[in-house]
């Protein structure tokens, strides 16, 4: 019984969106418009988006429209490609 309660509480806590999760979702929406990102997901598989480390890298950037967005996207591209290469995904 305790295990069921613990699982239920865990599911409730993890289903509440945090600021970082919202930023990751927004960033993925922006990145899906980029050809290189679409090709990366297409070549490496859609499950790559569920990799926690991959998502954390995406969440480290703020890709909202504004100054230096292209530079941030370029930097994120390099970091994601390096991550995929090192992890051999």
C-alpha atoms as a PDB file:
ATOM      1  CA  UNK A   1       0.000   0.000   0.000  1.00  0.00           C
ATOM      2  CA  UNK A   2       2.827   2.386   0.909  1.00  0.00           C
ATOM      3  CA  UNK A   3       4.529   1.680  -2.404  1.00  0.00           C
ATOM      4  CA  UNK A   4       1.380   2.622  -4.319  1.00  0.00           C
ATOM      5  CA  UNK A   5       1.132   5.884  -2.392  1.00  0.00           C
ATOM      6  CA  UNK A   6       4.798   6.650  -3.036  1.00  0.00           C
ATOM      7  CA  UNK A   7       4.398   5.973  -6.755  1.00  0.00           C
ATOM      8  CA  UNK A   8       1.267   8.124  -6.907  1.00  0.00           C
ATOM      9  CA  UNK A   9       2.987  11.004  -5.135  1.00  0.00           C
ATOM     10  CA  UNK A  10       6.029  10.673  -7.408  1.00  0.00           C
ATOM     11  CA  UNK A  11       3.812  10.735 -10.507  1.00  0.00           C
ATOM     12  CA  UNK A  12       2.008  13.833  -9.264  1.00  0.00           C
ATOM     13  CA  UNK A  13       5.245  15.645  -8.485  1.00  0.00           C
ATOM     14  CA  UNK A  14       6.857  14.789 -11.823  1.00  0.00           C
ATOM     15  CA  UNK A  15       3.756  15.785 -13.775  1.00  0.00           C
ATOM     16  CA  UNK A  16       3.869  19.363 -12.480  1.00  0.00           C
ATOM     17  CA  UNK A  17       5.762  21.394 -15.075  1.00  0.00           C
ATOM     18  CA  UNK A  18       8.773  23.249 -13.755  1.00  0.00           C
ATOM     19  CA  UNK A  19      10.364  26.346 -15.264  1.00  0.00           C
ATOM     20  CA  UNK A  20      13.166  24.227 -16.685  1.00  0.00           C
ATOM     21  CA  UNK A  21      10.730  21.775 -18.301  1.00  0.00           C
ATOM     22  CA  UNK A  22       8.811  24.666 -19.838  1.00  0.00           C
ATOM     23  CA  UNK A  23      12.056  26.131 -21.179  1.00  0.00           C
ATOM     24  CA  UNK A  24      13.076  22.756 -22.620  1.00  0.00           C
ATOM     25  CA  UNK A  25       9.696  22.410 -24.343  1.00  0.00           C
ATOM     26  CA  UNK A  26       9.928  25.961 -25.737  1.00  0.00           C
ATOM     27  CA  UNK A  27      13.504  25.387 -26.898  1.00  0.00           C
ATOM     28  CA  UNK A  28      12.581  22.126 -28.630  1.00  0.00           C
ATOM     29  CA  UNK A  29       9.782  23.958 -30.432  1.00  0.00           C
ATOM     30  CA  UNK A  30      12.316  26.549 -31.665  1.00  0.00           C
ATOM     31  CA  UNK A  31      14.863  23.866 -32.566  1.00  0.00           C
ATOM     32  CA  UNK A  32      12.384  21.800 -34.577  1.00  0.00           C
ATOM     33  CA  UNK A  33      12.285  24.701 -37.041  1.00  0.00           C
ATOM     34  CA  UNK A  34      16.042  24.313 -37.596  1.00  0.00           C
ATOM     35  CA  UNK A  35      17.030  21.986 -40.446  1.00  0.00           C
ATOM     36  CA  UNK A  36      20.118  20.661 -38.644  1.00  0.00           C
ATOM     37  CA  UNK A  37      18.055  19.703 -35.570  1.00  0.00           C
ATOM     38  CA  UNK A  38      15.399  17.957 -37.652  1.00  0.00           C
ATOM     39  CA  UNK A  39      18.141  16.020 -39.447  1.00  0.00           C
ATOM     40  CA  UNK A  40      19.784  15.095 -36.137  1.00  0.00           C
ATOM     41  CA  UNK A  41      16.520  13.716 -34.766  1.00  0.00           C
ATOM     42  CA  UNK A  42      15.767  11.981 -38.056  1.00  0.00           C
ATOM     43  CA  UNK A  43      19.209  10.337 -38.234  1.00  0.00           C
ATOM     44  CA  UNK A  44      19.624   9.439 -34.566  1.00  0.00           C
ATOM     45  CA  UNK A  45      16.012   8.627 -33.760  1.00  0.00           C
ATOM     46  CA  UNK A  46      13.116  10.345 -32.052  1.00  0.00           C
ATOM     47  CA  UNK A  47      13.994   8.705 -28.719  1.00  0.00           C
ATOM     48  CA  UNK A  48      16.970  11.030 -28.491  1.00  0.00           C
ATOM     49  CA  UNK A  49      14.501  13.687 -27.322  1.00  0.00           C
ATOM     50  CA  UNK A  50      13.767  11.548 -24.261  1.00  0.00           C
ATOM     51  CA  UNK A  51      17.414  11.319 -23.199  1.00  0.00           C
ATOM     52  CA  UNK A  52      17.718  13.217 -19.919  1.00  0.00           C
ATOM     53  CA  UNK A  53      21.240  14.507 -20.612  1.00  0.00           C
ATOM     54  CA  UNK A  54      20.227  15.663 -24.093  1.00  0.00           C
ATOM     55  CA  UNK A  55      17.212  17.502 -22.660  1.00  0.00           C
ATOM     56  CA  UNK A  56      19.340  19.074 -19.906  1.00  0.00           C
ATOM     57  CA  UNK A  57      21.715  20.505 -22.498  1.00  0.00           C
ATOM     58  CA  UNK A  58      18.741  21.986 -24.349  1.00  0.00           C
ATOM     59  CA  UNK A  59      17.411  23.395 -21.073  1.00  0.00           C
ATOM     60  CA  UNK A  60      20.669  25.200 -20.335  1.00  0.00           C
ATOM     61  CA  UNK A  61      19.940  27.676 -23.114  1.00  0.00           C
ATOM     62  CA  UNK A  62      17.306  30.385 -23.397  1.00  0.00           C
ATOM     63  CA  UNK A  63      16.291  30.437 -27.052  1.00  0.00           C
ATOM     64  CA  UNK A  64      13.473  32.935 -26.767  1.00  0.00           C
ATOM     65  CA  UNK A  65      13.422  35.525 -29.503  1.00  0.00           C
ATOM     66  CA  UNK A  66      15.866  38.240 -28.664  1.00  0.00           C
ATOM     67  CA  UNK A  67      19.445  39.237 -28.874  1.00  0.00           C
ATOM     68  CA  UNK A  68      22.062  36.644 -29.767  1.00  0.00           C
ATOM     69  CA  UNK A  69      19.509  33.936 -30.570  1.00  0.00           C
ATOM     70  CA  UNK A  70      21.499  32.792 -33.613  1.00  0.00           C
ATOM     71  CA  UNK A  71      24.696  32.630 -31.568  1.00  0.00           C
ATOM     72  CA  UNK A  72      22.946  30.638 -28.847  1.00  0.00           C
ATOM     73  CA  UNK A  73      21.498  28.220 -31.393  1.00  0.00           C
ATOM     74  CA  UNK A  74      24.914  27.833 -33.006  1.00  0.00           C
ATOM     75  CA  UNK A  75      26.519  27.146 -29.633  1.00  0.00           C
ATOM     76  CA  UNK A  76      23.771  24.683 -28.730  1.00  0.00           C
ATOM     77  CA  UNK A  77      24.230  22.936 -32.083  1.00  0.00           C
ATOM     78  CA  UNK A  78      27.925  22.405 -31.394  1.00  0.00           C
ATOM     79  CA  UNK A  79      27.226  21.153 -27.881  1.00  0.00           C
ATOM     80  CA  UNK A  80      24.489  18.724 -28.974  1.00  0.00           C
ATOM     81  CA  UNK A  81      26.549  17.347 -31.861  1.00  0.00           C
ATOM     82  CA  UNK A  82      29.516  16.861 -29.516  1.00  0.00           C
ATOM     83  CA  UNK A  83      27.279  15.124 -26.985  1.00  0.00           C
ATOM     84  CA  UNK A  84      25.855  12.756 -29.602  1.00  0.00           C
ATOM     85  CA  UNK A  85      29.363  12.008 -30.924  1.00  0.00           C
ATOM     86  CA  UNK A  86      30.884  11.370 -27.480  1.00  0.00           C
ATOM     87  CA  UNK A  87      27.989   9.221 -26.267  1.00  0.00           C
ATOM     88  CA  UNK A  88      27.937   7.409 -29.624  1.00  0.00           C
ATOM     89  CA  UNK A  89      24.163   7.728 -29.876  1.00  0.00           C
END
